[in-house]
Amino acid sequence: MADRTISLTLAEISTLAAAALVRAGASEALARSLARAIVAAEAAGKPALGLAHLPDYLDALDCGRIDGRAEPLLTSPVPALTRCDCRGGIAQLGFDTAFEELVSKTRIFGLTVYASHNSFTTGELGWYVARLAAEGLVAFAATNGPALIAGAGGTKPVYCTNPLAFAAPRANGPPLVIDQASSATAFVKVREAAERGGTIPEGWALDAEGRPTTDPNAAIKGALLAFGGARGANIALMVEVLAAGLTGANWSLDAPDFQSGDETPGAGLFILAIAPQFLARDFETRLARQLERLSADYGVHIPGEARARARRRTGGSGVTLPLALFDSISSFRRR
């Protein structure tokens, strides 16, 4: 028998998520911020980082891995740098708190850096850069978390999936948005395969003994592999230096598990925002023409367009999700 499902509008998803987060011990501000990011992930066609990821946050609030009452502490060591101590809370609230000032400073100075630490894992990384692109800025972001993937030549987890994201505005169209992990696949896809009793493709992971595996349960106990072998692992190391080294966050090797225990992973988030008009006044028009040429004349897939289509679709028809997930969220209560 097919799994039962339920359809919700984006507004209903926001209400559902925020209410569950408050019941789990989140402040109103934290609940609003995280609900906004979850809705954005669902709208962008990334359900694994939307409501399906919400139980991780609810459990973390309940067990103390997220301090639901934490208020981000923002400092500015020099005008073009913003540093955020999330104080054991969430990265989304820190970014929301700093957002208007970050945009304003970038328009004044031409570029700014935002660096946060001491947070739970950051969720959909593309959400951060896409919001800056909507303000006419070019943005690059990198984040880390608990160790999940092996380094070049190694068999034990030393880096998180260490994603990086990039967004740029274009005239008369959706922004270019690139969001990808340094691992061969996202950890949530391996976990999904384990939950449904499936297998994973070769080249995704190693088991606890360092042997290649297609068993997602063995992969969870072992290590994910970087995409492209040593080249992908080098990118993961680069992200680690930006997201943990420069921000003062936990190195992935030192980050507590985001799924168990009562300690925050202490993840880091690094964002570089650039005002393109200081370098090329017609940047958005030039980018639009180039992306159109790549797509129309060379058949190139343009990241960000599928995201825009998903937003239009979900804005009108809403989102369908498993009834079991809806029930678990709507009935969540603190232990």
Protein backbone atom coordinates (compact mmCIF):
# COMPACT_ATOMS: atom_id res chain seq x y z
CA MET A 1 0.00 0.00 0.00
CA ALA A 2 1.30 3.42 -0.91
CA ASP A 3 2.44 5.69 1.89
CA ARG A 4 -0.21 8.17 2.97
CA THR A 5 0.57 11.80 2.27
CA ILE A 6 -0.72 15.26 3.10
CA SER A 7 -0.46 18.51 1.15
CA LEU A 8 0.35 21.79 2.86
CA THR A 9 0.77 25.35 1.65
CA LEU A 10 4.03 27.12 2.42
CA ALA A 11 2.22 29.23 5.02
CA GLU A 12 0.94 26.08 6.72
CA ILE A 13 4.45 24.61 6.72
CA SER A 14 5.76 27.75 8.41
CA THR A 15 3.06 27.57 11.09
CA LEU A 16 3.63 23.84 11.64
CA ALA A 17 7.41 24.21 11.95
CA ALA A 18 7.34 27.29 14.20
CA ALA A 19 4.79 25.77 16.59
CA ALA A 20 6.77 22.54 16.92
CA LEU A 21 10.00 24.45 17.55
CA VAL A 22 8.42 26.52 20.32
CA ARG A 23 7.10 23.33 21.93
CA ALA A 24 10.64 21.92 21.74
CA GLY A 25 11.99 24.88 23.71
CA ALA A 26 12.87 27.44 21.05
CA SER A 27 12.37 31.16 21.53
CA GLU A 28 9.92 32.89 19.22
CA ALA A 29 12.83 34.50 17.35
CA LEU A 30 14.65 31.19 16.82
CA ALA A 31 11.42 29.47 15.76
CA ARG A 32 10.59 32.17 13.21
CA SER A 33 14.10 32.16 11.75
CA LEU A 34 14.36 28.39 11.39
CA ALA A 35 10.79 28.06 10.09
CA ARG A 36 11.65 30.61 7.40
CA ALA A 37 14.69 28.60 6.31
CA ILE A 38 12.71 25.35 6.30
CA VAL A 39 10.00 26.88 4.13
CA ALA A 40 12.68 28.18 1.76
CA ALA A 41 14.20 24.69 1.43
CA GLU A 42 10.80 23.17 0.69
CA ALA A 43 10.03 25.94 -1.81
CA ALA A 44 13.38 25.40 -3.52
CA GLY A 45 12.64 21.71 -4.04
CA LYS A 46 15.05 20.48 -1.35
CA PRO A 47 12.73 18.56 1.01
CA ALA A 48 15.62 16.65 2.66
CA LEU A 49 16.73 19.99 4.14
CA GLY A 50 13.18 21.17 4.81
CA LEU A 51 10.58 19.48 7.00
CA ALA A 52 12.41 16.14 6.78
CA HIS A 53 15.35 17.82 8.57
CA LEU A 54 13.16 19.49 11.20
CA PRO A 55 13.09 16.43 13.53
CA ASP A 56 16.89 16.78 13.85
CA TYR A 57 16.39 20.32 15.16
CA LEU A 58 13.52 19.32 17.45
CA ASP A 59 15.52 16.48 18.98
CA ALA A 60 18.57 18.75 19.33
CA LEU A 61 16.49 21.35 21.17
CA ASP A 62 15.03 18.69 23.43
CA CYS A 63 18.43 17.16 24.25
CA GLY A 64 20.40 20.41 24.57
CA ARG A 65 22.47 20.31 21.38
CA ILE A 66 20.69 23.57 20.51
CA ASP A 67 20.16 26.26 23.14
CA GLY A 68 16.66 27.39 22.24
CA ARG A 69 17.06 30.68 24.13
CA ALA A 70 20.45 31.63 22.71
CA GLU A 71 20.74 35.15 21.33
CA PRO A 72 23.49 35.73 18.74
CA LEU A 73 26.30 38.08 19.73
CA LEU A 74 27.47 40.24 16.82
CA THR A 75 30.79 42.09 16.83
CA SER A 76 32.65 44.02 14.13
CA PRO A 77 36.44 43.94 14.63
CA VAL A 78 36.80 46.17 11.53
CA PRO A 79 33.96 47.80 9.54
CA ALA A 80 33.88 45.25 6.70
CA LEU A 81 33.93 42.18 8.97
CA THR A 82 31.03 40.86 11.04
CA ARG A 83 31.64 38.10 13.56
CA CYS A 84 28.77 36.19 15.13
CA ASP A 85 28.88 33.97 18.20
CA CYS A 86 25.70 31.90 17.89
CA ARG A 87 26.11 30.88 21.55
CA GLY A 88 24.98 27.31 21.00
CA GLY A 89 21.92 28.33 18.98
CA ILE A 90 21.36 28.15 15.23
CA ALA A 91 23.24 29.71 12.32
CA GLN A 92 20.01 30.87 10.66
CA LEU A 93 19.14 33.22 13.53
CA GLY A 94 22.63 34.70 13.55
CA PHE A 95 22.44 35.36 9.81
CA ASP A 96 18.95 36.86 10.10
CA THR A 97 20.13 39.14 12.88
CA ALA A 98 23.10 40.38 10.85
CA PHE A 99 21.44 40.40 7.41
CA GLU A 100 20.38 44.02 6.98
CA GLU A 101 23.68 45.36 8.30
CA LEU A 102 25.62 42.90 6.15
CA VAL A 103 23.83 44.08 2.99
CA SER A 104 24.26 47.73 3.94
CA LYS A 105 27.97 47.36 4.68
CA THR A 106 28.58 45.52 1.43
CA ARG A 107 26.96 48.31 -0.55
CA ILE A 108 29.17 50.83 1.24
CA PHE A 109 32.53 49.03 1.30
CA GLY A 110 32.17 46.89 -1.81
CA LEU A 111 32.69 43.63 0.04
CA THR A 112 32.19 42.20 3.51
CA VAL A 113 32.87 38.97 5.35
CA TYR A 114 30.41 37.36 7.77
CA ALA A 115 31.82 34.65 10.05
CA SER A 116 29.77 32.73 12.60
CA HIS A 117 30.71 29.96 15.02
CA ASN A 118 29.29 27.96 17.92
CA SER A 119 26.10 26.89 16.13
CA PHE A 120 24.17 23.80 15.15
CA THR A 121 24.62 22.66 11.54
CA THR A 122 23.63 25.33 9.03
CA GLY A 123 20.92 23.60 6.97
CA GLU A 124 20.57 24.50 3.29
CA LEU A 125 23.65 26.56 2.46
CA GLY A 126 22.18 27.90 -0.77
CA TRP A 127 19.55 29.75 1.28
CA TYR A 128 22.17 32.15 2.63
CA VAL A 129 23.75 33.13 -0.68
CA ALA A 130 20.42 33.24 -2.54
CA ARG A 131 19.14 35.84 -0.09
CA LEU A 132 22.18 38.01 -0.70
CA ALA A 133 21.82 37.62 -4.48
CA ALA A 134 18.22 38.82 -4.16
CA GLU A 135 19.74 42.06 -2.81
CA GLY A 136 21.97 42.40 -5.88
CA LEU A 137 25.11 40.96 -4.28
CA VAL A 138 27.46 38.20 -5.35
CA ALA A 139 28.01 35.78 -2.46
CA PHE A 140 30.16 32.78 -1.57
CA ALA A 141 29.59 30.61 1.51
CA ALA A 142 31.28 27.65 3.18
CA THR A 143 30.31 25.68 6.27
CA ASN A 144 31.42 22.66 8.27
CA GLY A 145 30.13 20.34 10.99
CA PRO A 146 30.92 16.93 12.55
CA ALA A 147 33.36 14.73 10.64
CA LEU A 148 31.66 12.52 8.02
CA ILE A 149 34.02 12.19 5.02
CA ALA A 150 37.51 10.83 4.61
CA GLY A 151 40.43 13.00 3.55
CA ALA A 152 42.66 12.36 0.55
CA GLY A 153 44.34 8.98 1.07
CA GLY A 154 42.51 8.33 4.34
CA THR A 155 39.70 6.00 5.41
CA LYS A 156 38.43 7.70 8.57
CA PRO A 157 36.11 10.72 8.74
CA VAL A 158 38.01 13.98 9.15
CA TYR A 159 35.78 16.57 7.45
CA CYS A 160 32.05 17.21 7.39
CA THR A 161 30.36 17.10 3.97
CA ASN A 162 31.75 20.66 3.88
CA PRO A 163 29.45 22.22 1.29
CA LEU A 164 30.12 25.46 -0.52
CA ALA A 165 27.57 27.70 -2.18
CA PHE A 166 27.72 30.59 -4.64
CA ALA A 167 25.08 32.97 -5.94
CA ALA A 168 25.05 35.90 -8.33
CA PRO A 169 22.18 38.14 -9.49
CA ARG A 170 21.25 38.40 -13.15
CA ALA A 171 18.99 40.82 -14.99
CA ASN A 172 15.43 39.71 -15.74
CA GLY A 173 15.82 36.23 -14.32
CA PRO A 174 16.48 34.13 -11.24
CA PRO A 175 19.95 34.33 -9.70
CA LEU A 176 22.63 31.81 -10.47
CA VAL A 177 22.78 29.56 -7.37
CA ILE A 178 25.32 26.77 -6.96
CA ASP A 179 25.10 24.66 -3.79
CA GLN A 180 27.04 21.43 -3.50
CA ALA A 181 28.73 19.24 -0.94
CA SER A 182 32.39 18.29 -1.06
CA SER A 183 31.30 14.69 -0.51
CA ALA A 184 30.14 12.42 -3.35
CA THR A 185 26.63 12.82 -1.93
CA ALA A 186 24.89 14.59 0.92
CA PHE A 187 24.74 12.72 4.23
CA VAL A 188 20.94 13.02 4.31
CA LYS A 189 20.72 10.90 1.14
CA VAL A 190 22.70 8.10 2.79
CA ARG A 191 20.46 8.31 5.85
CA GLU A 192 17.34 8.23 3.67
CA ALA A 193 18.61 5.09 1.93
CA ALA A 194 19.21 3.44 5.31
CA GLU A 195 15.71 4.34 6.51
CA ARG A 196 14.02 2.81 3.47
CA GLY A 197 16.26 -0.27 3.46
CA GLY A 198 17.88 0.54 0.13
CA THR A 199 21.43 0.62 -1.15
CA ILE A 200 23.74 3.44 -2.22
CA PRO A 201 25.87 3.65 -5.38
CA GLU A 202 29.50 2.55 -5.43
CA GLY A 203 31.92 5.37 -4.79
CA TRP A 204 29.82 7.10 -2.16
CA ALA A 205 31.23 5.62 1.04
CA LEU A 206 33.50 3.31 3.00
CA ASP A 207 32.56 1.00 5.89
CA ALA A 208 34.16 1.15 9.35
CA GLU A 209 37.09 -0.99 8.10
CA GLY A 210 37.78 1.38 5.22
CA ARG A 211 36.32 -0.89 2.52
CA PRO A 212 34.04 0.42 -0.25
CA THR A 213 30.38 -0.26 0.54
CA THR A 214 26.91 0.08 -0.96
CA ASP A 215 25.23 -0.54 2.42
CA PRO A 216 24.04 2.82 3.81
CA ASN A 217 24.08 1.52 7.39
CA ALA A 218 27.72 0.50 7.01
CA ALA A 219 28.43 3.90 5.43
CA ILE A 220 26.97 5.72 8.42
CA LYS A 221 29.37 3.80 10.67
CA GLY A 222 32.25 4.41 8.26
CA ALA A 223 33.02 7.44 6.11
CA LEU A 224 31.63 9.19 3.08
CA LEU A 225 33.95 9.79 0.14
CA ALA A 226 34.75 13.15 -1.43
CA PHE A 227 33.58 13.78 -4.98
CA GLY A 228 36.36 13.51 -7.56
CA GLY A 229 38.76 11.74 -5.23
CA ALA A 230 41.70 13.82 -3.99
CA ARG A 231 40.45 16.95 -5.78
CA GLY A 232 37.17 16.89 -3.88
CA ALA A 233 38.99 16.15 -0.63
CA ASN A 234 41.19 19.18 -1.22
CA ILE A 235 38.07 21.34 -1.63
CA ALA A 236 36.74 19.89 1.63
CA LEU A 237 39.99 20.94 3.31
CA MET A 238 39.71 24.43 1.82
CA VAL A 239 36.16 24.71 3.18
CA GLU A 240 37.38 23.47 6.56
CA VAL A 241 39.98 26.23 6.73
CA LEU A 242 37.42 28.91 5.80
CA ALA A 243 34.48 27.63 7.85
CA ALA A 244 36.31 26.40 10.95
CA GLY A 245 39.77 27.94 10.86
CA LEU A 246 38.85 31.54 10.03
CA THR A 247 35.63 31.61 12.05
CA GLY A 248 37.06 30.04 15.21
CA ALA A 249 34.54 27.18 15.05
CA ASN A 250 35.23 23.56 15.95
CA TRP A 251 37.30 21.64 13.45
CA SER A 252 35.12 18.84 12.10
CA LEU A 253 37.28 16.29 13.93
CA ASP A 254 36.44 18.03 17.21
CA ALA A 255 32.74 18.71 16.56
CA PRO A 256 30.27 16.71 18.68
CA ASP A 257 27.69 14.61 16.82
CA PHE A 258 24.67 16.61 15.65
CA GLN A 259 22.41 13.57 16.14
CA SER A 260 23.23 12.56 19.73
CA GLY A 261 24.45 13.87 23.06
CA ASP A 262 23.85 17.26 24.64
CA GLU A 263 26.66 19.36 23.14
CA THR A 264 26.44 21.72 20.19
CA PRO A 265 28.47 20.71 17.13
CA GLY A 266 29.94 24.22 17.26
CA ALA A 267 29.78 24.54 13.48
CA GLY A 268 31.18 27.45 11.51
CA LEU A 269 29.84 29.52 8.62
CA PHE A 270 31.93 31.77 6.35
CA ILE A 271 30.28 34.16 3.89
CA LEU A 272 31.89 36.60 1.49
CA ALA A 273 29.52 39.18 -0.04
CA ILE A 274 30.54 41.43 -2.96
CA ALA A 275 28.77 44.44 -4.49
CA PRO A 276 29.44 43.80 -8.21
CA GLN A 277 28.69 47.34 -9.39
CA PHE A 278 32.03 48.55 -8.01
CA LEU A 279 33.79 46.22 -10.45
CA ALA A 280 31.39 46.00 -13.40
CA ARG A 281 28.38 48.31 -13.51
CA ASP A 282 26.59 46.13 -16.07
CA PHE A 283 27.37 42.87 -14.26
CA GLU A 284 23.78 41.59 -14.00
CA THR A 285 23.10 42.23 -17.69
CA ARG A 286 26.38 40.63 -18.79
CA LEU A 287 25.72 37.59 -16.61
CA ALA A 288 22.18 37.21 -17.96
CA ARG A 289 23.46 37.27 -21.55
CA GLN A 290 26.24 34.79 -20.79
CA LEU A 291 23.94 32.34 -19.02
CA GLU A 292 21.46 32.56 -21.89
CA ARG A 293 24.24 31.86 -24.39
CA LEU A 294 25.51 28.90 -22.39
CA SER A 295 22.02 27.44 -22.08
CA ALA A 296 20.63 28.16 -25.56
CA ASP A 297 23.73 27.63 -27.70
CA TYR A 298 25.66 25.00 -25.73
CA GLY A 299 23.02 23.12 -23.73
CA VAL A 300 24.61 23.98 -20.39
CA HIS A 301 22.56 23.36 -17.24
CA ILE A 302 22.27 26.62 -15.31
CA PRO A 303 22.06 26.08 -11.52
CA GLY A 304 19.34 28.14 -9.90
CA GLU A 305 16.71 27.84 -12.63
CA ALA A 306 15.27 24.61 -11.21
CA ARG A 307 15.17 26.31 -7.82
CA ALA A 308 13.15 29.18 -9.32
CA ARG A 309 10.73 26.76 -11.03
CA ALA A 310 10.23 24.89 -7.78
CA ARG A 311 9.44 28.14 -5.97
CA ARG A 312 6.77 29.01 -8.54
CA ARG A 313 5.29 25.53 -8.34
CA THR A 314 5.21 25.24 -4.55
CA GLY A 315 3.94 28.80 -4.20
CA GLY A 316 0.81 27.78 -6.08
CA SER A 317 0.27 24.12 -5.23
CA GLY A 318 2.08 23.72 -1.90
CA VAL A 319 4.11 20.70 -0.84
CA THR A 320 3.19 17.04 -0.40
CA LEU A 321 4.86 15.18 2.47
CA PRO A 322 4.45 11.83 4.22
CA LEU A 323 1.64 11.83 6.75
CA ALA A 324 3.92 10.07 9.24
CA LEU A 325 6.34 13.03 9.10
CA PHE A 326 3.50 15.51 9.55
CA ASP A 327 2.17 13.55 12.54
CA SER A 328 5.59 13.29 14.20
CA ILE A 329 6.15 17.06 13.89
CA SER A 330 2.66 18.16 14.88
CA SER A 331 2.62 15.85 17.92
CA PHE A 332 6.18 16.60 19.11
CA ARG A 333 6.49 17.28 22.83
CA ARG A 334 9.56 17.74 25.01
CA ARG A 335 10.61 14.72 27.00
